[in-house]
Every structure is written in structure tokens, then in C-alpha cells.
Amino acid sequence: MVIEDRFVIKTPIQKVWDFLMVLEGVGACIPGCEEVRAIDEKNFQGVVKVRVGPISARFKINASIIEIDPPTHLTSIIKGEDKGKASFFKSENVLDLKGLSPNETEVSYKSEISIVGRLAAFGDKIIRVKAKQLEENFVNSLKGKLETGFSCNI
């Protein structure tokens, strides 16, 4: 499954990039994020709880930055596993930022996601709907923090 989109945020490109590089700030924008911590500069772990249909899953997440070109490009791989629900996902992600003006940035992203296990049994359509909800919640939270002058010095 591929999920891709773009949106404009009324914030300078460097401020968007700086915020996205603060682990605690990004974690606060991820729906269901219960925990996030850095292993080193390019590797992170966390826990994210999500509900799809009647199944609630708690994924242990491992994320790695594969390629980085500040302040415009980041490629990452995220793997998550919920042993109790026998579900696993892998997401290969590309994030690009483009300054549209001194105070406006276009954020574009593409995620190629594979899901196996009990959650995958719900099918592509239900998972896409849930992914879209999570995406919208993240974007709204990110915009809320950045467009209202939230400091990324957490």
C-alpha cells in the first residue's frame, strides 16, 4: 500500500525541519504515541497504540533514518510489531520540504507500507481509511504546534 500526499504549512522551512528533528515534538504529534526515545542520531524506538476495526494493537516501533539532506529531505524505514495481535508492519518513507516563501513550506511525503498478521486481515480499504485518519490527525497537530509559535526547544 502506498500513501502519499502534500500540504502547506505557514511556517519557514528551517523551523519545520528543526521541529521534525526534535523527537519529543514529533512524538507528541503522532496519534497513539505512548513512548519515543533515541537510540542514537539515526535510530529510534517507541510504542504506538492504534485501533483498526475491533482490534486494538500496541506496536513496538524501530525507526531508522536512511538518508538525510537538511533542511529538505529525509528517508526512513519504520518497523513495528505487536506480538500479542500477531501483526507486523514495515514502512519505507520519503519526506521532502520545499520553501514556498519565507513563511510557507510545502511538506510532501510518500510511504510504502506492508502489513502482515491479524490487522492485515481487515483488508486494504479499512487500513487506508485508518491511515488517512492518522495522517490527518498528525498534520493538524503539526500545523497547530508550528503555526501557533510552538517552540521546538523541548
C-alpha atoms as a PDB file:
ATOM      1  CA  MET A   1       0.000   0.000   0.000  1.00  0.00           C
ATOM      2  CA  VAL A   2       1.307   3.449  -0.892  1.00  0.00           C
ATOM      3  CA  ILE A   3       0.217   6.579   0.926  1.00  0.00           C
ATOM      4  CA  GLU A   4       1.349   9.923  -0.367  1.00  0.00           C
ATOM      5  CA  ASP A   5       0.233  13.485  -0.047  1.00  0.00           C
ATOM      6  CA  ARG A   6       1.409  17.051   0.404  1.00  0.00           C
ATOM      7  CA  PHE A   7       0.288  20.015   2.442  1.00  0.00           C
ATOM      8  CA  VAL A   8       1.349  23.591   3.047  1.00  0.00           C
ATOM      9  CA  ILE A   9       2.239  24.875   6.473  1.00  0.00           C
ATOM     10  CA  LYS A  10       2.549  28.577   7.269  1.00  0.00           C
ATOM     11  CA  THR A  11       5.985  28.225   8.813  1.00  0.00           C
ATOM     12  CA  PRO A  12       9.518  28.792   7.441  1.00  0.00           C
ATOM     13  CA  ILE A  13      11.229  25.674   6.077  1.00  0.00           C
ATOM     14  CA  GLN A  14      14.039  25.704   8.671  1.00  0.00           C
ATOM     15  CA  LYS A  15      11.569  25.884  11.555  1.00  0.00           C
ATOM     16  CA  VAL A  16       9.585  22.937  10.131  1.00  0.00           C
ATOM     17  CA  TRP A  17      12.796  20.931   9.719  1.00  0.00           C
ATOM     18  CA  ASP A  18      14.026  21.802  13.210  1.00  0.00           C
ATOM     19  CA  PHE A  19      10.711  20.720  14.714  1.00  0.00           C
ATOM     20  CA  LEU A  20      10.732  17.432  12.810  1.00  0.00           C
ATOM     21  CA  MET A  21      14.208  16.725  14.176  1.00  0.00           C
ATOM     22  CA  VAL A  22      13.058  17.080  17.815  1.00  0.00           C
ATOM     23  CA  LEU A  23      11.944  13.602  18.756  1.00  0.00           C
ATOM     24  CA  GLU A  24       9.640  14.625  21.580  1.00  0.00           C
ATOM     25  CA  GLY A  25       7.875  17.196  19.394  1.00  0.00           C
ATOM     26  CA  VAL A  26       7.206  14.742  16.590  1.00  0.00           C
ATOM     27  CA  GLY A  27       6.131  12.076  19.086  1.00  0.00           C
ATOM     28  CA  ALA A  28       3.568  14.479  20.529  1.00  0.00           C
ATOM     29  CA  CYS A  29       2.024  14.821  17.042  1.00  0.00           C
ATOM     30  CA  ILE A  30       1.734  11.076  16.346  1.00  0.00           C
ATOM     31  CA  PRO A  31      -1.725   9.762  17.267  1.00  0.00           C
ATOM     32  CA  GLY A  32      -1.450   6.969  19.838  1.00  0.00           C
ATOM     33  CA  CYS A  33       2.261   7.540  20.536  1.00  0.00           C
ATOM     34  CA  GLU A  34       2.901   6.391  24.100  1.00  0.00           C
ATOM     35  CA  GLU A  35       6.680   6.471  24.114  1.00  0.00           C
ATOM     36  CA  VAL A  36       9.574   7.558  21.916  1.00  0.00           C
ATOM     37  CA  ARG A  37      13.315   7.585  22.559  1.00  0.00           C
ATOM     38  CA  ALA A  38      16.536   7.963  20.622  1.00  0.00           C
ATOM     39  CA  ILE A  39      18.983   5.072  20.433  1.00  0.00           C
ATOM     40  CA  ASP A  40      21.482   7.242  18.556  1.00  0.00           C
ATOM     41  CA  GLU A  41      21.329  10.080  15.984  1.00  0.00           C
ATOM     42  CA  LYS A  42      19.626   7.956  13.330  1.00  0.00           C
ATOM     43  CA  ASN A  43      17.813   5.194  15.237  1.00  0.00           C
ATOM     44  CA  PHE A  44      14.750   5.465  17.439  1.00  0.00           C
ATOM     45  CA  GLN A  45      12.347   3.258  19.350  1.00  0.00           C
ATOM     46  CA  GLY A  46       8.850   3.825  20.561  1.00  0.00           C
ATOM     47  CA  VAL A  47       5.420   2.460  21.288  1.00  0.00           C
ATOM     48  CA  VAL A  48       2.307   3.407  19.317  1.00  0.00           C
ATOM     49  CA  LYS A  49      -1.203   2.217  20.064  1.00  0.00           C
ATOM     50  CA  VAL A  50      -3.701   2.054  17.201  1.00  0.00           C
ATOM     51  CA  ARG A  51      -7.190   0.687  16.725  1.00  0.00           C
ATOM     52  CA  VAL A  52      -8.322  -0.746  13.391  1.00  0.00           C
ATOM     53  CA  GLY A  53     -11.870  -2.044  13.363  1.00  0.00           C
ATOM     54  CA  PRO A  54     -12.398  -4.123  16.501  1.00  0.00           C
ATOM     55  CA  ILE A  55      -8.672  -4.767  17.009  1.00  0.00           C
ATOM     56  CA  SER A  56      -6.503  -2.559  19.173  1.00  0.00           C
ATOM     57  CA  ALA A  57      -2.765  -3.081  18.697  1.00  0.00           C
ATOM     58  CA  ARG A  58       0.235  -1.766  20.598  1.00  0.00           C
ATOM     59  CA  PHE A  59       3.235  -1.693  18.284  1.00  0.00           C
ATOM     60  CA  LYS A  60       6.839  -1.634  19.425  1.00  0.00           C
ATOM     61  CA  ILE A  61       8.465   0.586  16.815  1.00  0.00           C
ATOM     62  CA  ASN A  62      12.009   0.727  15.474  1.00  0.00           C
ATOM     63  CA  ALA A  63      12.752   3.644  13.148  1.00  0.00           C
ATOM     64  CA  SER A  64      15.938   4.403  11.230  1.00  0.00           C
ATOM     65  CA  ILE A  65      16.925   7.425   9.179  1.00  0.00           C
ATOM     66  CA  ILE A  66      18.477   6.105   5.977  1.00  0.00           C
ATOM     67  CA  GLU A  67      19.194   9.338   4.126  1.00  0.00           C
ATOM     68  CA  ILE A  68      19.171  12.927   5.293  1.00  0.00           C
ATOM     69  CA  ASP A  69      19.755  16.227   3.492  1.00  0.00           C
ATOM     70  CA  PRO A  70      18.803  19.095   5.838  1.00  0.00           C
ATOM     71  CA  PRO A  71      16.517  21.001   5.581  1.00  0.00           C
ATOM     72  CA  THR A  72      14.791  19.438   2.574  1.00  0.00           C
ATOM     73  CA  HIS A  73      14.910  15.629   2.517  1.00  0.00           C
ATOM     74  CA  LEU A  74      14.698  12.606   4.787  1.00  0.00           C
ATOM     75  CA  THR A  75      14.263   8.911   4.022  1.00  0.00           C
ATOM     76  CA  SER A  76      13.418   6.478   6.799  1.00  0.00           C
ATOM     77  CA  ILE A  77      12.361   2.916   7.494  1.00  0.00           C
ATOM     78  CA  ILE A  78       9.964   2.114  10.305  1.00  0.00           C
ATOM     79  CA  LYS A  79       9.195  -1.389  11.529  1.00  0.00           C
ATOM     80  CA  GLY A  80       6.565  -2.216  14.111  1.00  0.00           C
ATOM     81  CA  GLU A  81       5.448  -5.395  15.808  1.00  0.00           C
ATOM     82  CA  ASP A  82       2.569  -6.296  18.103  1.00  0.00           C
ATOM     83  CA  LYS A  83       3.321  -9.826  19.274  1.00  0.00           C
ATOM     84  CA  GLY A  84       0.022 -10.146  21.130  1.00  0.00           C
ATOM     85  CA  LYS A  85      -2.001  -9.482  17.977  1.00  0.00           C
ATOM     86  CA  ALA A  86       0.472 -11.277  15.705  1.00  0.00           C
ATOM     87  CA  SER A  87       0.778  -8.205  13.484  1.00  0.00           C
ATOM     88  CA  PHE A  88       3.807  -6.611  11.859  1.00  0.00           C
ATOM     89  CA  PHE A  89       4.322  -3.625   9.558  1.00  0.00           C
ATOM     90  CA  LYS A  90       7.169  -2.084   7.634  1.00  0.00           C
ATOM     91  CA  SER A  91       7.072   1.403   6.190  1.00  0.00           C
ATOM     92  CA  GLU A  92       9.588   2.948   3.805  1.00  0.00           C
ATOM     93  CA  ASN A  93       9.140   6.717   3.928  1.00  0.00           C
ATOM     94  CA  VAL A  94      10.303   9.758   1.993  1.00  0.00           C
ATOM     95  CA  LEU A  95       9.760  13.272   3.354  1.00  0.00           C
ATOM     96  CA  ASP A  96      10.538  16.391   1.320  1.00  0.00           C
ATOM     97  CA  LEU A  97      10.250  20.037   2.338  1.00  0.00           C
ATOM     98  CA  LYS A  98      10.142  22.913  -0.127  1.00  0.00           C
ATOM     99  CA  GLY A  99      10.191  26.562   0.853  1.00  0.00           C
ATOM    100  CA  LEU A 100       7.385  28.334  -1.000  1.00  0.00           C
ATOM    101  CA  SER A 101       8.039  31.726   0.606  1.00  0.00           C
ATOM    102  CA  PRO A 102       9.945  32.949   3.674  1.00  0.00           C
ATOM    103  CA  ASN A 103       6.990  31.914   5.870  1.00  0.00           C
ATOM    104  CA  GLU A 104       5.450  28.995   3.985  1.00  0.00           C
ATOM    105  CA  THR A 105       6.635  25.421   3.440  1.00  0.00           C
ATOM    106  CA  GLU A 106       5.269  22.593   1.341  1.00  0.00           C
ATOM    107  CA  VAL A 107       5.600  19.217   3.042  1.00  0.00           C
ATOM    108  CA  SER A 108       5.321  16.169   0.783  1.00  0.00           C
ATOM    109  CA  TYR A 109       5.609  12.561   1.811  1.00  0.00           C
ATOM    110  CA  LYS A 110       5.313   9.065   0.457  1.00  0.00           C
ATOM    111  CA  SER A 111       5.087   5.870   2.487  1.00  0.00           C
ATOM    112  CA  GLU A 112       5.181   2.352   1.107  1.00  0.00           C
ATOM    113  CA  ILE A 113       3.622   0.197   3.810  1.00  0.00           C
ATOM    114  CA  SER A 114       3.354  -3.547   4.130  1.00  0.00           C
ATOM    115  CA  ILE A 115       1.258  -5.116   6.888  1.00  0.00           C
ATOM    116  CA  VAL A 116       1.023  -8.774   7.845  1.00  0.00           C
ATOM    117  CA  GLY A 117      -0.885 -10.553  10.580  1.00  0.00           C
ATOM    118  CA  ARG A 118      -4.304 -10.018  12.108  1.00  0.00           C
ATOM    119  CA  LEU A 119      -4.516  -6.337  11.165  1.00  0.00           C
ATOM    120  CA  ALA A 120      -3.838  -7.189   7.527  1.00  0.00           C
ATOM    121  CA  ALA A 121      -6.943  -9.386   7.572  1.00  0.00           C
ATOM    122  CA  PHE A 122      -9.108  -6.235   7.562  1.00  0.00           C
ATOM    123  CA  GLY A 123      -8.054  -5.509   4.035  1.00  0.00           C
ATOM    124  CA  ASP A 124      -6.614  -2.607   2.191  1.00  0.00           C
ATOM    125  CA  LYS A 125      -9.735  -0.399   2.242  1.00  0.00           C
ATOM    126  CA  ILE A 126     -10.178  -0.339   6.048  1.00  0.00           C
ATOM    127  CA  ILE A 127      -6.456   0.119   6.644  1.00  0.00           C
ATOM    128  CA  ARG A 128      -6.335   3.005   4.136  1.00  0.00           C
ATOM    129  CA  VAL A 129      -9.230   4.737   5.916  1.00  0.00           C
ATOM    130  CA  LYS A 130      -7.456   4.359   9.254  1.00  0.00           C
ATOM    131  CA  ALA A 131      -4.144   5.543   7.781  1.00  0.00           C
ATOM    132  CA  LYS A 132      -5.879   8.625   6.356  1.00  0.00           C
ATOM    133  CA  GLN A 133      -7.385   9.415   9.791  1.00  0.00           C
ATOM    134  CA  LEU A 134      -3.976   9.074  11.467  1.00  0.00           C
ATOM    135  CA  GLU A 135      -2.376  11.207   8.748  1.00  0.00           C
ATOM    136  CA  GLU A 136      -4.952  13.978   9.156  1.00  0.00           C
ATOM    137  CA  ASN A 137      -4.541  13.958  12.942  1.00  0.00           C
ATOM    138  CA  PHE A 138      -0.749  14.196  12.598  1.00  0.00           C
ATOM    139  CA  VAL A 139      -0.895  17.038  10.048  1.00  0.00           C
ATOM    140  CA  ASN A 140      -3.407  19.004  12.150  1.00  0.00           C
ATOM    141  CA  SER A 141      -1.309  18.548  15.270  1.00  0.00           C
ATOM    142  CA  LEU A 142       1.891  19.553  13.453  1.00  0.00           C
ATOM    143  CA  LYS A 143       0.252  22.644  11.984  1.00  0.00           C
ATOM    144  CA  GLY A 144      -1.231  23.528  15.356  1.00  0.00           C
ATOM    145  CA  LYS A 145       2.149  23.410  17.055  1.00  0.00           C
ATOM    146  CA  LEU A 146       4.138  25.186  14.335  1.00  0.00           C
ATOM    147  CA  GLU A 147       1.662  27.788  13.150  1.00  0.00           C
ATOM    148  CA  THR A 148       0.959  28.974  16.697  1.00  0.00           C
ATOM    149  CA  GLY A 149       4.595  29.624  17.503  1.00  0.00           C
ATOM    150  CA  PHE A 150       5.334  26.420  19.435  1.00  0.00           C
ATOM    151  CA  SER A 151       8.996  26.267  20.390  1.00  0.00           C
ATOM    152  CA  CYS A 152      10.875  23.196  19.252  1.00  0.00           C
ATOM    153  CA  ASN A 153      13.346  23.550  22.127  1.00  0.00           C
ATOM    154  CA  ILE A 154      11.590  20.945  24.257  1.00  0.00           C
END
